[in-house]
All heavy atoms as atom14 arrays in JSON, in Angstrom:
{
  "sequence": "AWFRQAPGKEREFVAAISWNAGRKLYTDSVKGRFII",
  "atom14_mask": [
    [1, 1, 1, 1, 1, 0, 0, 0, 0, 0, 0, 0, 0, 0],
    [1, 1, 1, 1, 1, 1, 1, 1, 1, 1, 1, 1, 1, 1],
    [1, 1, 1, 1, 1, 1, 1, 1, 1, 1, 1, 0, 0, 0],
    [1, 1, 1, 1, 1, 1, 1, 1, 1, 1, 1, 0, 0, 0],
    [1, 1, 1, 1, 1, 1, 1, 1, 1, 0, 0, 0, 0, 0],
    [1, 1, 1, 1, 1, 0, 0, 0, 0, 0, 0, 0, 0, 0],
    [1, 1, 1, 1, 1, 1, 1, 0, 0, 0, 0, 0, 0, 0],
    [1, 1, 1, 1, 0, 0, 0, 0, 0, 0, 0, 0, 0, 0],
    [1, 1, 1, 1, 1, 1, 1, 1, 1, 0, 0, 0, 0, 0],
    [1, 1, 1, 1, 1, 1, 1, 1, 1, 0, 0, 0, 0, 0],
    [1, 1, 1, 1, 1, 1, 1, 1, 1, 1, 1, 0, 0, 0],
    [1, 1, 1, 1, 1, 1, 1, 1, 1, 0, 0, 0, 0, 0],
    [1, 1, 1, 1, 1, 1, 1, 1, 1, 1, 1, 0, 0, 0],
    [1, 1, 1, 1, 1, 1, 1, 0, 0, 0, 0, 0, 0, 0],
    [1, 1, 1, 1, 1, 0, 0, 0, 0, 0, 0, 0, 0, 0],
    [1, 1, 1, 1, 1, 0, 0, 0, 0, 0, 0, 0, 0, 0],
    [1, 1, 1, 1, 1, 1, 1, 1, 0, 0, 0, 0, 0, 0],
    [1, 1, 1, 1, 1, 1, 0, 0, 0, 0, 0, 0, 0, 0],
    [1, 1, 1, 1, 1, 1, 1, 1, 1, 1, 1, 1, 1, 1],
    [1, 1, 1, 1, 1, 1, 1, 1, 0, 0, 0, 0, 0, 0],
    [1, 1, 1, 1, 1, 0, 0, 0, 0, 0, 0, 0, 0, 0],
    [1, 1, 1, 1, 0, 0, 0, 0, 0, 0, 0, 0, 0, 0],
    [1, 1, 1, 1, 1, 1, 1, 1, 1, 1, 1, 0, 0, 0],
    [1, 1, 1, 1, 1, 1, 1, 1, 1, 0, 0, 0, 0, 0],
    [1, 1, 1, 1, 1, 1, 1, 1, 0, 0, 0, 0, 0, 0],
    [1, 1, 1, 1, 1, 1, 1, 1, 1, 1, 1, 1, 0, 0],
    [1, 1, 1, 1, 1, 1, 1, 0, 0, 0, 0, 0, 0, 0],
    [1, 1, 1, 1, 1, 1, 1, 1, 0, 0, 0, 0, 0, 0],
    [1, 1, 1, 1, 1, 1, 0, 0, 0, 0, 0, 0, 0, 0],
    [1, 1, 1, 1, 1, 1, 1, 0, 0, 0, 0, 0, 0, 0],
    [1, 1, 1, 1, 1, 1, 1, 1, 1, 0, 0, 0, 0, 0],
    [1, 1, 1, 1, 0, 0, 0, 0, 0, 0, 0, 0, 0, 0],
    [1, 1, 1, 1, 1, 1, 1, 1, 1, 1, 1, 0, 0, 0],
    [1, 1, 1, 1, 1, 1, 1, 1, 1, 1, 1, 0, 0, 0],
    [1, 1, 1, 1, 1, 1, 1, 1, 0, 0, 0, 0, 0, 0],
    [1, 1, 1, 1, 1, 1, 1, 1, 0, 0, 0, 0, 0, 0]
  ],
  "atom14_positions": [
    [[102.06, 90.91, 97.85], [103.01, 91.14, 96.74], [103.18, 89.91, 95.86], [102.86, 88.86, 96.34], [104.33, 91.63, 97.08], [0.0, 0.0, 0.0], [0.0, 0.0, 0.0], [0.0, 0.0, 0.0], [0.0, 0.0, 0.0], [0.0, 0.0, 0.0], [0.0, 0.0, 0.0], [0.0, 0.0, 0.0], [0.0, 0.0, 0.0], [0.0, 0.0, 0.0]],
    [[103.55, 90.19, 94.61], [103.93, 89.09, 93.68], [105.45, 89.33, 93.35], [105.86, 90.4, 93.05], [103.13, 89.13, 92.44], [101.7, 88.76, 92.63], [100.59, 89.53, 92.91], [101.21, 87.47, 92.65], [99.52, 88.8, 93.06], [99.84, 87.48, 92.88], [101.74, 86.08, 92.45], [99.02, 86.3, 92.89], [100.91, 84.95, 92.45], [99.63, 85.12, 92.74]],
    [[106.15, 88.17, 93.39], [107.45, 88.06, 92.9], [107.67, 87.02, 91.86], [106.67, 86.23, 91.81], [108.48, 87.8, 93.99], [108.58, 88.82, 95.09], [107.61, 89.01, 96.06], [109.68, 89.74, 95.07], [107.66, 90.06, 97.01], [109.76, 90.75, 96.06], [108.76, 90.83, 97.03], [0.0, 0.0, 0.0], [0.0, 0.0, 0.0], [0.0, 0.0, 0.0]],
    [[108.62, 86.98, 91.1], [108.87, 85.96, 90.1], [110.35, 85.56, 90.0], [111.16, 86.34, 90.35], [108.27, 86.36, 88.72], [109.01, 87.48, 88.08], [108.36, 87.86, 86.88], [108.86, 89.04, 86.23], [108.39, 89.75, 85.3], [107.18, 89.46, 84.77], [109.03, 90.84, 84.72], [0.0, 0.0, 0.0], [0.0, 0.0, 0.0], [0.0, 0.0, 0.0]],
    [[110.53, 84.26, 89.66], [111.87, 83.8, 89.45], [111.93, 82.99, 88.2], [111.35, 81.88, 88.19], [112.28, 83.05, 90.7], [113.79, 82.61, 90.71], [114.22, 82.0, 91.97], [113.44, 81.51, 92.73], [115.5, 82.12, 92.35], [0.0, 0.0, 0.0], [0.0, 0.0, 0.0], [0.0, 0.0, 0.0], [0.0, 0.0, 0.0], [0.0, 0.0, 0.0]],
    [[112.79, 83.39, 87.33], [113.06, 82.67, 86.07], [114.15, 81.71, 86.29], [115.01, 81.94, 87.26], [113.4, 83.7, 84.96], [0.0, 0.0, 0.0], [0.0, 0.0, 0.0], [0.0, 0.0, 0.0], [0.0, 0.0, 0.0], [0.0, 0.0, 0.0], [0.0, 0.0, 0.0], [0.0, 0.0, 0.0], [0.0, 0.0, 0.0], [0.0, 0.0, 0.0]],
    [[114.23, 80.71, 85.5], [115.31, 79.7, 85.71], [116.64, 80.29, 85.63], [116.99, 81.03, 84.71], [115.07, 78.74, 84.5], [113.7, 78.84, 84.22], [113.3, 80.28, 84.42], [0.0, 0.0, 0.0], [0.0, 0.0, 0.0], [0.0, 0.0, 0.0], [0.0, 0.0, 0.0], [0.0, 0.0, 0.0], [0.0, 0.0, 0.0], [0.0, 0.0, 0.0]],
    [[117.46, 80.01, 86.67], [118.9, 80.51, 86.65], [118.99, 82.0, 87.07], [120.15, 82.47, 86.99], [0.0, 0.0, 0.0], [0.0, 0.0, 0.0], [0.0, 0.0, 0.0], [0.0, 0.0, 0.0], [0.0, 0.0, 0.0], [0.0, 0.0, 0.0], [0.0, 0.0, 0.0], [0.0, 0.0, 0.0], [0.0, 0.0, 0.0], [0.0, 0.0, 0.0]],
    [[117.94, 82.66, 87.49], [117.97, 84.03, 87.78], [117.4, 84.31, 89.26], [116.87, 83.44, 89.83], [117.15, 84.85, 86.9], [117.58, 84.79, 85.48], [116.76, 85.76, 84.46], [117.28, 85.79, 83.09], [116.58, 86.71, 82.22], [0.0, 0.0, 0.0], [0.0, 0.0, 0.0], [0.0, 0.0, 0.0], [0.0, 0.0, 0.0], [0.0, 0.0, 0.0]],
    [[117.8, 85.44, 89.76], [117.32, 85.77, 91.09], [115.84, 86.18, 91.03], [115.33, 86.58, 90.14], [118.11, 87.01, 91.63], [119.63, 86.79, 91.74], [119.94, 85.78, 92.86], [119.22, 85.77, 93.86], [120.95, 85.06, 92.69], [0.0, 0.0, 0.0], [0.0, 0.0, 0.0], [0.0, 0.0, 0.0], [0.0, 0.0, 0.0], [0.0, 0.0, 0.0]],
    [[115.27, 85.88, 92.19], [113.84, 86.29, 92.4], [113.7, 87.88, 92.32], [114.47, 88.54, 92.87], [113.24, 85.75, 93.63], [111.78, 85.95, 93.82], [111.14, 84.94, 94.77], [111.82, 84.94, 96.13], [111.72, 83.96, 96.99], [110.93, 82.92, 96.76], [112.37, 84.11, 98.1], [0.0, 0.0, 0.0], [0.0, 0.0, 0.0], [0.0, 0.0, 0.0]],
    [[112.72, 88.27, 91.55], [112.57, 89.77, 91.42], [111.12, 90.14, 91.77], [110.14, 89.4, 91.59], [112.78, 90.2, 90.04], [111.88, 89.73, 88.92], [112.01, 90.25, 87.53], [112.64, 91.34, 87.52], [111.55, 89.72, 86.52], [0.0, 0.0, 0.0], [0.0, 0.0, 0.0], [0.0, 0.0, 0.0], [0.0, 0.0, 0.0], [0.0, 0.0, 0.0]],
    [[110.97, 91.39, 92.2], [109.71, 91.9, 92.56], [108.81, 92.22, 91.3], [109.46, 92.6, 90.34], [109.93, 93.25, 93.25], [108.75, 94.04, 93.55], [107.72, 93.65, 94.41], [108.5, 95.2, 92.8], [106.56, 94.42, 94.65], [107.37, 95.96, 92.99], [106.43, 95.58, 93.9], [0.0, 0.0, 0.0], [0.0, 0.0, 0.0], [0.0, 0.0, 0.0]],
    [[107.58, 91.98, 91.38], [106.66, 92.32, 90.29], [105.67, 93.44, 90.67], [105.59, 94.45, 90.1], [105.93, 91.01, 89.93], [104.9, 91.35, 88.71], [106.93, 89.97, 89.42], [0.0, 0.0, 0.0], [0.0, 0.0, 0.0], [0.0, 0.0, 0.0], [0.0, 0.0, 0.0], [0.0, 0.0, 0.0], [0.0, 0.0, 0.0], [0.0, 0.0, 0.0]],
    [[104.92, 93.22, 91.71], [103.83, 94.16, 92.15], [103.45, 93.91, 93.54], [103.72, 92.81, 94.12], [102.7, 93.93, 91.28], [0.0, 0.0, 0.0], [0.0, 0.0, 0.0], [0.0, 0.0, 0.0], [0.0, 0.0, 0.0], [0.0, 0.0, 0.0], [0.0, 0.0, 0.0], [0.0, 0.0, 0.0], [0.0, 0.0, 0.0], [0.0, 0.0, 0.0]],
    [[102.99, 94.95, 94.16], [102.53, 94.95, 95.64], [101.29, 95.76, 95.82], [101.01, 96.7, 94.93], [103.67, 95.38, 96.55], [0.0, 0.0, 0.0], [0.0, 0.0, 0.0], [0.0, 0.0, 0.0], [0.0, 0.0, 0.0], [0.0, 0.0, 0.0], [0.0, 0.0, 0.0], [0.0, 0.0, 0.0], [0.0, 0.0, 0.0], [0.0, 0.0, 0.0]],
    [[100.55, 95.44, 96.84], [99.28, 96.12, 97.04], [99.12, 96.15, 98.64], [99.45, 95.29, 99.34], [98.09, 95.4, 96.47], [96.83, 96.2, 96.58], [97.91, 93.96, 96.95], [95.68, 95.73, 95.65], [0.0, 0.0, 0.0], [0.0, 0.0, 0.0], [0.0, 0.0, 0.0], [0.0, 0.0, 0.0], [0.0, 0.0, 0.0], [0.0, 0.0, 0.0]],
    [[98.61, 97.37, 99.13], [98.46, 97.53, 100.53], [97.2, 96.71, 101.01], [96.37, 96.23, 100.23], [98.18, 99.04, 100.93], [97.07, 99.49, 100.23], [0.0, 0.0, 0.0], [0.0, 0.0, 0.0], [0.0, 0.0, 0.0], [0.0, 0.0, 0.0], [0.0, 0.0, 0.0], [0.0, 0.0, 0.0], [0.0, 0.0, 0.0], [0.0, 0.0, 0.0]],
    [[97.07, 96.58, 102.35], [96.01, 95.79, 102.9], [94.64, 96.2, 102.49], [93.65, 95.43, 102.41], [96.14, 95.79, 104.46], [95.73, 97.18, 105.02], [96.49, 98.29, 105.19], [94.4, 97.49, 105.55], [95.74, 99.33, 105.76], [94.51, 98.88, 105.92], [93.22, 96.79, 105.77], [93.36, 99.51, 106.61], [92.16, 97.51, 106.29], [92.22, 98.83, 106.7]],
    [[94.46, 97.5, 102.24], [93.15, 98.14, 101.83], [93.02, 98.45, 100.43], [92.07, 99.07, 99.99], [92.81, 99.32, 102.73], [93.71, 100.49, 102.49], [94.8, 100.35, 101.8], [93.48, 101.58, 103.2], [0.0, 0.0, 0.0], [0.0, 0.0, 0.0], [0.0, 0.0, 0.0], [0.0, 0.0, 0.0], [0.0, 0.0, 0.0], [0.0, 0.0, 0.0]],
    [[94.04, 97.99, 99.67], [94.13, 98.26, 98.17], [94.33, 99.77, 97.82], [94.17, 100.07, 96.66], [92.96, 97.71, 97.48], [0.0, 0.0, 0.0], [0.0, 0.0, 0.0], [0.0, 0.0, 0.0], [0.0, 0.0, 0.0], [0.0, 0.0, 0.0], [0.0, 0.0, 0.0], [0.0, 0.0, 0.0], [0.0, 0.0, 0.0], [0.0, 0.0, 0.0]],
    [[94.62, 100.51, 98.86], [94.8, 102.01, 98.55], [96.17, 102.34, 97.88], [96.23, 103.47, 97.35], [0.0, 0.0, 0.0], [0.0, 0.0, 0.0], [0.0, 0.0, 0.0], [0.0, 0.0, 0.0], [0.0, 0.0, 0.0], [0.0, 0.0, 0.0], [0.0, 0.0, 0.0], [0.0, 0.0, 0.0], [0.0, 0.0, 0.0], [0.0, 0.0, 0.0]],
    [[97.05, 101.52, 97.98], [98.46, 101.82, 97.45], [98.87, 100.58, 96.66], [98.67, 99.39, 97.04], [99.47, 102.14, 98.49], [99.08, 103.38, 99.26], [100.23, 103.68, 100.28], [99.88, 104.82, 101.0], [100.35, 106.08, 100.58], [101.08, 106.25, 99.57], [100.06, 107.14, 101.39], [0.0, 0.0, 0.0], [0.0, 0.0, 0.0], [0.0, 0.0, 0.0]],
    [[99.42, 100.84, 95.5], [99.95, 99.75, 94.57], [101.38, 100.18, 94.12], [101.74, 101.33, 94.05], [99.09, 99.52, 93.39], [97.69, 99.05, 93.75], [96.89, 98.9, 92.46], [95.45, 98.41, 92.82], [94.66, 98.23, 91.65], [0.0, 0.0, 0.0], [0.0, 0.0, 0.0], [0.0, 0.0, 0.0], [0.0, 0.0, 0.0], [0.0, 0.0, 0.0]],
    [[102.19, 99.19, 93.91], [103.54, 99.4, 93.39], [103.79, 98.35, 92.37], [103.52, 97.16, 92.58], [104.55, 99.32, 94.53], [106.03, 99.55, 94.18], [106.2, 101.04, 93.75], [106.87, 99.14, 95.36], [0.0, 0.0, 0.0], [0.0, 0.0, 0.0], [0.0, 0.0, 0.0], [0.0, 0.0, 0.0], [0.0, 0.0, 0.0], [0.0, 0.0, 0.0]],
    [[104.52, 98.74, 91.25], [104.83, 97.9, 90.15], [106.27, 98.13, 89.77], [106.77, 99.16, 89.82], [104.01, 98.1, 88.92], [102.49, 97.9, 89.11], [101.65, 98.97, 89.39], [101.96, 96.61, 88.89], [100.35, 98.77, 89.53], [100.6, 96.45, 89.0], [99.76, 97.52, 89.33], [98.36, 97.31, 89.44], [0.0, 0.0, 0.0], [0.0, 0.0, 0.0]],
    [[106.93, 96.98, 89.43], [108.22, 97.17, 88.78], [108.1, 97.77, 87.46], [107.06, 97.59, 86.81], [108.96, 95.81, 88.77], [110.35, 96.0, 88.38], [108.35, 94.85, 87.73], [0.0, 0.0, 0.0], [0.0, 0.0, 0.0], [0.0, 0.0, 0.0], [0.0, 0.0, 0.0], [0.0, 0.0, 0.0], [0.0, 0.0, 0.0], [0.0, 0.0, 0.0]],
    [[109.07, 98.5, 87.04], [108.99, 99.31, 85.79], [108.52, 98.44, 84.59], [107.79, 98.8, 83.69], [110.15, 99.94, 85.48], [110.52, 101.17, 86.45], [109.53, 101.63, 87.08], [111.65, 101.69, 86.45], [0.0, 0.0, 0.0], [0.0, 0.0, 0.0], [0.0, 0.0, 0.0], [0.0, 0.0, 0.0], [0.0, 0.0, 0.0], [0.0, 0.0, 0.0]],
    [[109.09, 97.2, 84.46], [108.91, 96.39, 83.31], [107.45, 95.94, 83.1], [107.11, 95.54, 81.95], [109.77, 95.18, 83.29], [109.44, 94.34, 84.32], [0.0, 0.0, 0.0], [0.0, 0.0, 0.0], [0.0, 0.0, 0.0], [0.0, 0.0, 0.0], [0.0, 0.0, 0.0], [0.0, 0.0, 0.0], [0.0, 0.0, 0.0], [0.0, 0.0, 0.0]],
    [[106.66, 95.96, 84.12], [105.23, 95.5, 83.94], [104.21, 96.63, 84.09], [103.05, 96.36, 83.85], [104.91, 94.37, 85.05], [105.97, 93.32, 85.09], [104.77, 94.96, 86.45], [0.0, 0.0, 0.0], [0.0, 0.0, 0.0], [0.0, 0.0, 0.0], [0.0, 0.0, 0.0], [0.0, 0.0, 0.0], [0.0, 0.0, 0.0], [0.0, 0.0, 0.0]],
    [[104.65, 97.87, 84.27], [103.73, 98.97, 84.4], [102.92, 99.09, 83.04], [103.48, 99.04, 81.96], [104.44, 100.27, 84.76], [105.02, 100.36, 86.08], [105.75, 101.61, 86.32], [106.21, 101.71, 87.7], [107.08, 103.0, 87.93], [0.0, 0.0, 0.0], [0.0, 0.0, 0.0], [0.0, 0.0, 0.0], [0.0, 0.0, 0.0], [0.0, 0.0, 0.0]],
    [[101.64, 99.22, 83.24], [100.82, 99.36, 81.99], [100.3, 98.06, 81.51], [99.38, 98.03, 80.65], [0.0, 0.0, 0.0], [0.0, 0.0, 0.0], [0.0, 0.0, 0.0], [0.0, 0.0, 0.0], [0.0, 0.0, 0.0], [0.0, 0.0, 0.0], [0.0, 0.0, 0.0], [0.0, 0.0, 0.0], [0.0, 0.0, 0.0], [0.0, 0.0, 0.0]],
    [[100.89, 96.91, 81.84], [100.54, 95.64, 81.45], [99.87, 94.76, 82.52], [99.09, 93.98, 82.3], [101.71, 94.92, 80.81], [102.22, 95.61, 79.59], [103.25, 94.76, 78.85], [104.42, 94.44, 79.76], [104.83, 93.38, 80.2], [104.08, 92.26, 79.94], [105.88, 93.18, 81.03], [0.0, 0.0, 0.0], [0.0, 0.0, 0.0], [0.0, 0.0, 0.0]],
    [[100.48, 94.9, 83.74], [99.99, 93.99, 84.87], [99.1, 94.91, 85.77], [99.39, 96.04, 85.92], [101.19, 93.52, 85.67], [101.93, 92.39, 84.95], [101.8, 92.05, 83.6], [102.89, 91.65, 85.7], [102.5, 91.09, 82.92], [103.63, 90.6, 85.07], [103.43, 90.4, 83.69], [0.0, 0.0, 0.0], [0.0, 0.0, 0.0], [0.0, 0.0, 0.0]],
    [[98.2, 94.2, 86.48], [97.3, 94.87, 87.38], [97.22, 94.02, 88.63], [96.83, 92.8, 88.52], [95.95, 95.22, 86.93], [95.94, 96.07, 85.57], [95.02, 95.81, 87.89], [94.68, 96.14, 84.94], [0.0, 0.0, 0.0], [0.0, 0.0, 0.0], [0.0, 0.0, 0.0], [0.0, 0.0, 0.0], [0.0, 0.0, 0.0], [0.0, 0.0, 0.0]],
    [[97.58, 94.59, 89.78], [97.48, 93.82, 90.99], [96.15, 94.31, 91.64], [95.84, 95.5, 91.7], [98.61, 93.94, 91.97], [98.53, 93.06, 93.23], [98.95, 95.42, 92.45], [99.79, 92.89, 94.0], [0.0, 0.0, 0.0], [0.0, 0.0, 0.0], [0.0, 0.0, 0.0], [0.0, 0.0, 0.0], [0.0, 0.0, 0.0], [0.0, 0.0, 0.0]]
  ]
}
């Protein structure tokens, strides 16, 4: 998975991928723009 933390903010989830790449998950704000 990828997480990110902006200055002064809590760390947030960005995207995740299963061991075989069969499943992916994205936070709503990056859907359509980011690819894991």
